[in-house]
Structures are given as C-alpha cells and as structure tokens.
Amino acid sequence: MHPVKTLGQFIIEKQADFPYAKGELSRLLRDIGIAAKIVNREINKAGLIDILGEVGTTNIQGESQKKLDVYANEQFIAALTSGGECCMVVSEENEEVNHIDSPVSSDAKYIVAIDPLDGSSNIEVNVSVGTVFSIYRRRSIDGRCTLEDIYQKGINQVAAGYVIYGTSTMLVYTTGKGVNGFTLDPSIGEFCLSNPDMTMPKDGYIYSVNEGNYRQFPEGLKKYIKFCQEEDEATGRPYTARYVGSMIADLHRSMIKGGIFMYPASVNAPKGKLRLVYECNPMAFIVEQAGGRATTGQQRILELEVNELHQRSSIYIGSENMVSKVEQLLNEFPELGE
C-alpha cells in the first residue's frame, strides 16, 4: 500500500515550481483548503440545521441568495483574511472588492477571485455543488490593490481550482504545471492525493447544455446539438445529454470521462451569462492544463480582456475535439436564434 499524501504535503513538495517560491502561494492554497473543509461540513448537515433556504436578499447578479451562499462566502473571505497571503478578495456574491488591510497582510502579493458556492440551488435537492477559485499576483507595487490588479487576462492566473461537494468531496487545482485532484478523507480531516496528473480525454460522448433555451441559441450550436443526436457508429453517436445545473459538477464529469459543457450567448443574454472572472477563467485554466479546450465560440477564454468585475461571457469548454467541432459550426453559423 502506498503512503497517503495530503494536500499540504503535496503543496510543499511542489513549492519549487513557483517562480516566487517563498511559501506564500503554498499557504494561500492551504487556507482555501481549510475553508473548503468548513463549508463541506455545513453542506453535509444542511438538512439537519437551519442553513437551507433563502436569506431574502439578492447578490450583485440579481440572484436570490441562499443561506449557504452567504455562509460559504463569509468562510472563504475569513480564511483568506486571516491567512495573511492575500491583499484583496473579489467574490461573485459581492458588488465591491474586499480589501484586506490587516497588518498580517501588509506585504501580501496575491488576489483571489472566488465563486463560493456554484449551483447552490441544488443543495435543497441533494445534488452536487462546488466552489471555484482563481489566484493572481497583484500588478501594482505598493499601497492598496486596485481594480486594475484584478483586470488581468486569464492567462495570467498563477493558480486556479475547484472543490466539488458530492458523494465525496474533492479539491482539484493547477498552478500551470498540470492538474491534480485530492479527495477529503473525513476520518483524518485531510484532502489526500487521489487523482494525480489528471488528463481530459480528447473526445467524449456527453454534452451538457440547457436545451430548454434551444430556440434562443446560435444557429451553429443548434447544428452541433443535432450532430450530437445523429446516429454514427464510427464516432459513437448519438451522444448522451447530461445537465446538472452546476458548472463544476458537469465539468468534473468531463474531466474524468470526456465531454463538453456549453453555456452560450443567447437572445436574452447576447454576451453570455457566466462570469468571466469567477467561473470561466479559472475553469478554462484548469481544463487547458488537463489537455482540454475553452472558447467563447470565436476566441480563447484565457485571452479575453477583462474590463468589469462581474463581466459575463459565453463558454464552450471540455474535450478538445468536441469543442473544436462546435467552434467550427459557430463560425460558420454565428446568427442567434429567434
């Protein structure tokens, strides 16, 4: 039996991979892991305590906030504040940035963008939810961080990851040197290396999209869906449709089995709907590091200019050959539906 390797041990071993190797990024990733364990604990007992339901407020996206959305947001911000390695946190749940001005973080060089609880409406029906995070080095030299420090292209991320709270809880992350997955062992309270060097298959047989909005989709996507549904023994079609309603859950399945997740621009959301900073960029970084592809249909996600904190984007992400096929059709037939 091989010895168990914990997330903390793995991060320390890989510290030399970081160009600014003084331990700050290692400790920052450790802080995120600690907060994830706290959130996981609350999710696992959500049916037993008063943590389900809505708080009666909306977030900056205009979405009703669940109690667990607020709880997860508070826990991650608290962990990143007390850790001392982060000078600013931006969250999908908050309109403004969270500056960290404590003495312990006076020399902090990192900024964290986080979606504390993706797919939180699924909690009440016991379906997987997740957390997605992204880490950048600040560009300004001194003083308070500014919005310009977070307005960086996705290619500038120094790390990104997600936590999926499912039948088991997993933390998957990359620092630009491949992707590794860790499963939480509740008996020792540690994330343990379970999926080293994760690689996404070049092809898959599962497509994920909310087909309820089919009439509003670009013509190229409509044609791709028809392509997925056609029978072709040589390519294994028809493909299987699976849509959880949590980007992390759908993409985690694609990381393991191959597949494509699509959240397109539509008539009602011509710029797309998912957030570039909190969802698209970190997931694109992870998927590309695993050998996959992420695009708006016309442009690589990681090369998009960021000019708004809550900027939205369309996204087609997953197995390389599947994304390339839909990209080809979108370029041939870019018109939106009725």
Protein backbone atom coordinates (compact mmCIF):
# COMPACT_ATOMS: atom_id res chain seq x y z
CA MET A 1 0.00 0.00 0.00
CA HIS A 2 1.34 3.43 -1.00
CA PRO A 3 1.62 6.05 1.76
CA VAL A 4 -1.11 8.70 1.79
CA LYS A 5 -0.03 12.12 0.52
CA THR A 6 -2.02 15.05 1.87
CA LEU A 7 -2.74 18.33 0.10
CA GLY A 8 -0.40 20.15 2.49
CA GLN A 9 2.47 17.74 1.84
CA PHE A 10 1.91 17.89 -1.92
CA ILE A 11 1.87 21.70 -1.98
CA ILE A 12 5.13 21.88 -0.02
CA GLU A 13 6.77 19.35 -2.38
CA LYS A 14 5.73 21.42 -5.41
CA GLN A 15 6.70 24.78 -3.93
CA ALA A 16 9.85 24.97 -6.07
CA ASP A 17 7.63 25.06 -9.18
CA PHE A 18 6.55 28.60 -8.29
CA PRO A 19 8.69 31.42 -9.72
CA TYR A 20 8.23 33.41 -6.50
CA ALA A 21 8.88 30.49 -4.15
CA LYS A 22 8.76 31.93 -0.66
CA GLY A 23 5.85 29.83 0.58
CA GLU A 24 3.09 32.44 0.24
CA LEU A 25 1.20 30.65 -2.53
CA SER A 26 1.52 27.35 -0.68
CA ARG A 27 -0.03 28.88 2.44
CA LEU A 28 -2.75 30.56 0.38
CA LEU A 29 -3.78 27.23 -1.16
CA ARG A 30 -3.73 25.72 2.33
CA ASP A 31 -6.09 28.45 3.59
CA ILE A 32 -8.53 27.71 0.73
CA GLY A 33 -8.41 24.01 1.64
CA ILE A 34 -9.25 24.79 5.27
CA ALA A 35 -12.25 26.94 4.31
CA ALA A 36 -13.44 24.22 1.92
CA LYS A 37 -13.48 21.70 4.79
CA ILE A 38 -15.58 24.07 6.91
CA VAL A 39 -18.07 24.65 4.07
CA ASN A 40 -18.17 20.91 3.36
CA ARG A 41 -19.13 20.25 6.98
CA GLU A 42 -22.11 22.61 6.76
CA ILE A 43 -23.26 21.23 3.39
CA ASN A 44 -23.20 17.68 4.73
CA LYS A 45 -25.54 18.57 7.58
CA ALA A 46 -27.65 21.06 5.62
CA GLY A 47 -30.82 19.02 6.09
CA LEU A 48 -30.32 18.92 9.87
CA ILE A 49 -29.74 22.58 10.66
CA ASP A 50 -31.30 25.89 9.66
CA ILE A 51 -29.00 26.51 6.71
CA LEU A 52 -31.33 25.75 3.79
CA GLY A 53 -33.49 28.30 2.02
CA GLU A 54 -33.04 31.95 1.08
CA VAL A 55 -31.96 34.88 3.22
CA GLY A 56 -34.29 37.35 1.48
CA THR A 57 -31.52 39.26 -0.29
CA THR A 58 -30.05 39.22 -3.80
CA ASN A 59 -26.42 39.29 -4.89
CA ILE A 60 -24.87 41.62 -7.47
CA GLN A 61 -26.07 39.27 -10.24
CA GLY A 62 -29.70 39.84 -9.14
CA GLU A 63 -29.95 36.23 -7.96
CA SER A 64 -31.66 35.25 -4.69
CA GLN A 65 -29.01 34.44 -2.10
CA LYS A 66 -29.25 31.10 -0.35
CA LYS A 67 -28.16 30.89 3.28
CA LEU A 68 -25.30 28.62 2.27
CA ASP A 69 -24.17 31.11 -0.41
CA VAL A 70 -23.73 33.71 2.30
CA TYR A 71 -22.14 31.25 4.74
CA ALA A 72 -19.63 29.96 2.16
CA ASN A 73 -18.75 33.50 1.10
CA GLU A 74 -18.08 34.53 4.70
CA GLN A 75 -15.96 31.45 5.42
CA PHE A 76 -13.68 31.82 2.40
CA ILE A 77 -13.20 35.55 2.94
CA ALA A 78 -12.46 34.97 6.64
CA ALA A 79 -9.88 32.26 5.87
CA LEU A 80 -8.18 34.39 3.22
CA THR A 81 -8.20 37.44 5.50
CA SER A 82 -6.63 35.69 8.48
CA GLY A 83 -4.08 33.80 6.34
CA GLY A 84 -2.11 36.94 5.52
CA GLU A 85 -1.13 35.97 1.95
CA CYS A 86 -3.94 37.81 0.19
CA CYS A 87 -4.34 41.58 -0.28
CA MET A 88 -7.75 41.51 -1.97
CA VAL A 89 -10.65 39.09 -2.45
CA VAL A 90 -13.31 39.52 -5.13
CA SER A 91 -16.41 37.37 -4.88
CA GLU A 92 -19.31 36.66 -7.19
CA GLU A 93 -21.55 37.37 -4.19
CA ASN A 94 -20.24 40.91 -3.56
CA GLU A 95 -20.63 44.04 -5.67
CA GLU A 96 -17.39 45.58 -4.44
CA VAL A 97 -13.91 44.19 -3.81
CA ASN A 98 -12.84 43.12 -0.31
CA HIS A 99 -9.59 44.86 0.62
CA ILE A 100 -7.54 43.13 3.29
CA ASP A 101 -5.77 45.81 5.27
CA SER A 102 -4.68 43.90 8.37
CA PRO A 103 -1.02 44.18 9.48
CA VAL A 104 -0.50 40.48 8.77
CA SER A 105 -1.28 41.02 5.07
CA SER A 106 0.57 44.32 4.58
CA ASP A 107 3.08 42.71 2.18
CA ALA A 108 0.64 40.29 0.54
CA LYS A 109 1.09 39.84 -3.21
CA TYR A 110 -1.92 37.76 -4.18
CA ILE A 111 -5.52 38.41 -5.20
CA VAL A 112 -8.22 35.74 -5.05
CA ALA A 113 -11.38 35.67 -7.17
CA ILE A 114 -13.97 33.20 -5.92
CA ASP A 115 -17.42 31.82 -6.59
CA PRO A 116 -18.06 30.46 -3.10
CA LEU A 117 -20.94 28.12 -3.97
CA ASP A 118 -21.69 27.31 -7.59
CA GLY A 119 -25.07 25.65 -8.18
CA SER A 120 -26.35 26.38 -4.66
CA SER A 121 -29.99 25.90 -5.70
CA ASN A 122 -29.14 22.19 -5.98
CA ILE A 123 -28.45 21.83 -2.25
CA GLU A 124 -32.11 21.53 -1.32
CA VAL A 125 -32.46 18.52 -3.63
CA ASN A 126 -29.15 16.94 -2.53
CA VAL A 127 -27.31 17.43 -5.84
CA SER A 128 -23.60 18.27 -6.11
CA VAL A 129 -22.46 21.88 -5.72
CA GLY A 130 -18.99 23.40 -5.72
CA THR A 131 -16.55 26.24 -5.14
CA VAL A 132 -14.30 27.67 -7.85
CA PHE A 133 -11.33 29.97 -7.21
CA SER A 134 -8.65 31.84 -9.13
CA ILE A 135 -5.38 33.37 -7.90
CA TYR A 136 -3.41 36.25 -9.45
CA ARG A 137 -0.30 38.18 -8.44
CA ARG A 138 -1.04 41.86 -7.98
CA ARG A 139 0.47 44.14 -10.63
CA SER A 140 0.74 47.31 -8.54
CA ILE A 141 3.90 47.71 -6.44
CA ASP A 142 2.62 49.21 -3.21
CA GLY A 143 -0.41 50.68 -1.49
CA ARG A 144 -3.88 49.23 -1.76
CA CYS A 145 -4.72 46.89 -4.61
CA THR A 146 -6.91 48.43 -7.30
CA LEU A 147 -9.40 47.06 -9.80
CA GLU A 148 -6.61 47.09 -12.38
CA ASP A 149 -4.89 44.39 -10.33
CA ILE A 150 -7.80 42.01 -10.95
CA TYR A 151 -8.47 43.14 -14.53
CA GLN A 152 -5.99 40.61 -15.87
CA LYS A 153 -6.42 38.10 -18.65
CA GLY A 154 -6.92 34.51 -17.58
CA ILE A 155 -3.51 33.54 -18.94
CA ASN A 156 -2.01 35.49 -16.01
CA GLN A 157 -3.50 33.21 -13.35
CA VAL A 158 -0.88 31.66 -11.08
CA ALA A 159 -3.32 29.05 -9.76
CA ALA A 160 -6.95 28.01 -10.07
CA GLY A 161 -9.06 25.24 -8.69
CA TYR A 162 -12.45 23.96 -7.73
CA VAL A 163 -13.98 21.98 -4.89
CA ILE A 164 -16.88 19.64 -5.64
CA TYR A 165 -19.06 18.67 -2.71
CA GLY A 166 -20.58 15.40 -3.87
CA THR A 167 -20.68 11.75 -2.82
CA SER A 168 -17.12 12.51 -1.81
CA THR A 169 -15.56 15.95 -1.58
CA MET A 170 -12.73 16.69 -3.99
CA LEU A 171 -10.37 19.63 -4.45
CA VAL A 172 -8.84 19.90 -7.93
CA TYR A 173 -6.25 22.56 -8.71
CA THR A 174 -3.48 23.65 -11.04
CA THR A 175 -0.56 26.06 -10.79
CA GLY A 176 0.18 25.77 -14.52
CA LYS A 177 2.08 22.50 -14.10
CA GLY A 178 -0.71 20.02 -14.74
CA VAL A 179 -3.83 19.22 -12.71
CA ASN A 180 -4.09 17.18 -9.52
CA GLY A 181 -7.13 16.06 -7.54
CA PHE A 182 -7.47 15.44 -3.80
CA THR A 183 -10.30 13.65 -2.02
CA LEU A 184 -11.30 14.60 1.51
CA ASP A 185 -10.82 11.71 3.94
CA PRO A 186 -13.29 12.51 6.73
CA SER A 187 -11.61 10.05 9.10
CA ILE A 188 -8.47 12.21 9.28
CA GLY A 189 -9.92 15.53 8.07
CA GLU A 190 -7.39 15.88 5.25
CA PHE A 191 -7.51 16.19 1.47
CA CYS A 192 -5.46 13.26 0.14
CA LEU A 193 -3.99 12.90 -3.35
CA SER A 194 -6.36 10.65 -5.29
CA ASN A 195 -6.15 11.79 -8.92
CA PRO A 196 -2.58 12.75 -9.85
CA ASP A 197 -1.82 14.28 -13.25
CA MET A 198 -5.44 14.49 -14.39
CA THR A 199 -5.87 14.40 -18.17
CA MET A 200 -9.10 15.10 -20.02
CA PRO A 201 -9.85 12.70 -22.92
CA LYS A 202 -9.59 14.33 -26.37
CA ASP A 203 -13.06 13.04 -27.23
CA GLY A 204 -16.14 12.31 -25.18
CA TYR A 205 -19.71 11.13 -25.54
CA ILE A 206 -21.54 13.51 -23.15
CA TYR A 207 -22.75 17.02 -23.95
CA SER A 208 -24.07 19.43 -21.31
CA VAL A 209 -26.28 22.38 -22.20
CA ASN A 210 -29.63 23.72 -21.05
CA GLU A 211 -31.67 22.68 -24.09
CA GLY A 212 -34.71 24.46 -22.64
CA ASN A 213 -33.23 27.62 -24.21
CA TYR A 214 -32.73 25.92 -27.60
CA ARG A 215 -34.77 28.43 -29.60
CA GLN A 216 -32.52 31.29 -28.44
CA PHE A 217 -29.22 29.52 -29.23
CA PRO A 218 -26.84 30.48 -32.07
CA GLU A 219 -27.53 28.55 -35.27
CA GLY A 220 -24.11 26.89 -35.05
CA LEU A 221 -24.94 25.45 -31.62
CA LYS A 222 -28.33 24.18 -32.85
CA LYS A 223 -26.50 22.35 -35.62
CA TYR A 224 -23.99 20.94 -33.13
CA ILE A 225 -26.80 19.60 -30.93
CA LYS A 226 -28.32 17.92 -33.98
CA PHE A 227 -24.86 16.50 -34.77
CA CYS A 228 -24.67 15.10 -31.21
CA GLN A 229 -28.07 13.44 -31.65
CA GLU A 230 -27.36 11.81 -35.01
CA GLU A 231 -26.51 8.14 -35.15
CA ASP A 232 -22.98 7.31 -36.30
CA GLU A 233 -21.39 4.08 -35.10
CA ALA A 234 -17.90 5.19 -36.19
CA THR A 235 -17.91 8.14 -33.76
CA GLY A 236 -20.11 6.62 -31.05
CA ARG A 237 -23.04 8.93 -31.69
CA PRO A 238 -25.67 9.70 -30.63
CA TYR A 239 -24.02 11.30 -27.63
CA THR A 240 -25.61 11.37 -24.19
CA ALA A 241 -27.13 14.61 -22.82
CA ARG A 242 -26.39 15.37 -19.16
CA TYR A 243 -27.03 18.72 -17.47
CA VAL A 244 -26.71 19.11 -13.69
CA GLY A 245 -27.15 22.89 -13.41
CA SER A 246 -23.80 23.25 -11.66
CA MET A 247 -20.88 24.06 -13.98
CA ILE A 248 -18.40 22.41 -11.62
CA ALA A 249 -20.35 19.14 -11.47
CA ASP A 250 -20.80 18.95 -15.24
CA LEU A 251 -17.16 19.82 -15.93
CA HIS A 252 -15.78 17.49 -13.26
CA ARG A 253 -17.54 14.62 -15.02
CA SER A 254 -15.98 15.74 -18.32
CA MET A 255 -12.54 15.90 -16.68
CA ILE A 256 -12.87 12.20 -15.85
CA LYS A 257 -14.89 10.80 -18.76
CA GLY A 258 -14.57 13.37 -21.53
CA GLY A 259 -17.36 15.65 -22.69
CA ILE A 260 -18.34 19.24 -23.38
CA PHE A 261 -20.10 21.88 -21.27
CA MET A 262 -21.76 24.77 -23.11
CA TYR A 263 -23.30 27.98 -21.81
CA PRO A 264 -23.78 30.05 -24.97
CA ALA A 265 -24.73 33.58 -25.78
CA SER A 266 -28.48 33.73 -26.44
CA VAL A 267 -31.17 36.16 -27.50
CA ASN A 268 -31.83 37.10 -23.85
CA ALA A 269 -28.13 37.12 -22.89
CA PRO A 270 -26.18 38.19 -26.01
CA LYS A 271 -22.91 38.49 -24.04
CA GLY A 272 -23.39 35.14 -22.35
CA LYS A 273 -24.31 34.60 -18.72
CA LEU A 274 -21.46 33.01 -16.77
CA ARG A 275 -18.95 35.28 -15.05
CA LEU A 276 -15.55 35.55 -16.74
CA VAL A 277 -13.53 36.31 -13.59
CA TYR A 278 -15.18 33.86 -11.19
CA GLU A 279 -16.15 30.91 -13.40
CA CYS A 280 -14.90 30.96 -16.99
CA ASN A 281 -11.25 31.93 -16.46
CA PRO A 282 -10.45 29.53 -13.60
CA MET A 283 -12.25 26.59 -15.22
CA ALA A 284 -10.61 27.34 -18.58
CA PHE A 285 -7.16 27.37 -16.93
CA ILE A 286 -7.82 24.01 -15.26
CA VAL A 287 -9.27 22.39 -18.38
CA GLU A 288 -6.46 23.61 -20.65
CA GLN A 289 -3.89 22.30 -18.18
CA ALA A 290 -5.63 18.92 -18.40
CA GLY A 291 -5.41 18.95 -22.21
CA GLY A 292 -8.88 20.34 -22.95
CA ARG A 293 -10.08 23.47 -24.71
CA ALA A 294 -12.13 26.53 -23.68
CA THR A 295 -13.53 29.14 -26.04
CA THR A 296 -16.31 31.69 -26.46
CA GLY A 297 -17.00 30.09 -29.82
CA GLN A 298 -14.75 32.62 -31.51
CA GLN A 299 -11.94 33.34 -29.05
CA ARG A 300 -9.87 31.52 -26.43
CA ILE A 301 -11.35 32.26 -22.99
CA LEU A 302 -7.95 32.87 -21.35
CA GLU A 303 -7.12 35.64 -23.83
CA LEU A 304 -10.25 37.74 -23.24
CA GLU A 305 -9.74 41.27 -21.96
CA VAL A 306 -11.24 41.85 -18.50
CA ASN A 307 -12.81 45.28 -18.01
CA GLU A 308 -15.61 44.62 -15.50
CA LEU A 309 -15.57 42.85 -12.15
CA HIS A 310 -18.74 40.89 -12.97
CA GLN A 311 -18.21 40.63 -16.72
CA ARG A 312 -20.13 37.87 -18.46
CA SER A 313 -19.08 35.53 -21.26
CA SER A 314 -20.32 32.64 -23.33
CA ILE A 315 -18.28 29.45 -22.93
CA TYR A 316 -17.73 26.12 -24.70
CA ILE A 317 -15.35 24.01 -22.64
CA GLY A 318 -14.23 20.42 -22.41
CA SER A 319 -12.64 17.74 -24.58
CA GLU A 320 -10.53 19.31 -27.32
CA ASN A 321 -12.11 17.63 -30.35
CA MET A 322 -15.67 18.27 -29.17
CA VAL A 323 -15.01 21.96 -28.54
CA SER A 324 -13.23 22.33 -31.90
CA LYS A 325 -16.28 20.85 -33.68
CA VAL A 326 -18.79 23.22 -32.10
CA GLU A 327 -16.38 26.13 -32.67
CA GLN A 328 -16.25 25.27 -36.38
CA LEU A 329 -20.05 25.29 -36.64
CA LEU A 330 -20.39 28.52 -34.64
CA ASN A 331 -18.00 30.29 -37.00
CA GLU A 332 -19.98 29.02 -40.00
CA PHE A 333 -23.38 29.84 -38.49
CA PRO A 334 -22.98 32.66 -35.89
CA GLU A 335 -26.57 34.02 -36.01
CA LEU A 336 -28.57 33.94 -32.77
CA GLY A 337 -31.95 32.21 -32.70
CA GLU A 338 -35.34 33.89 -32.82
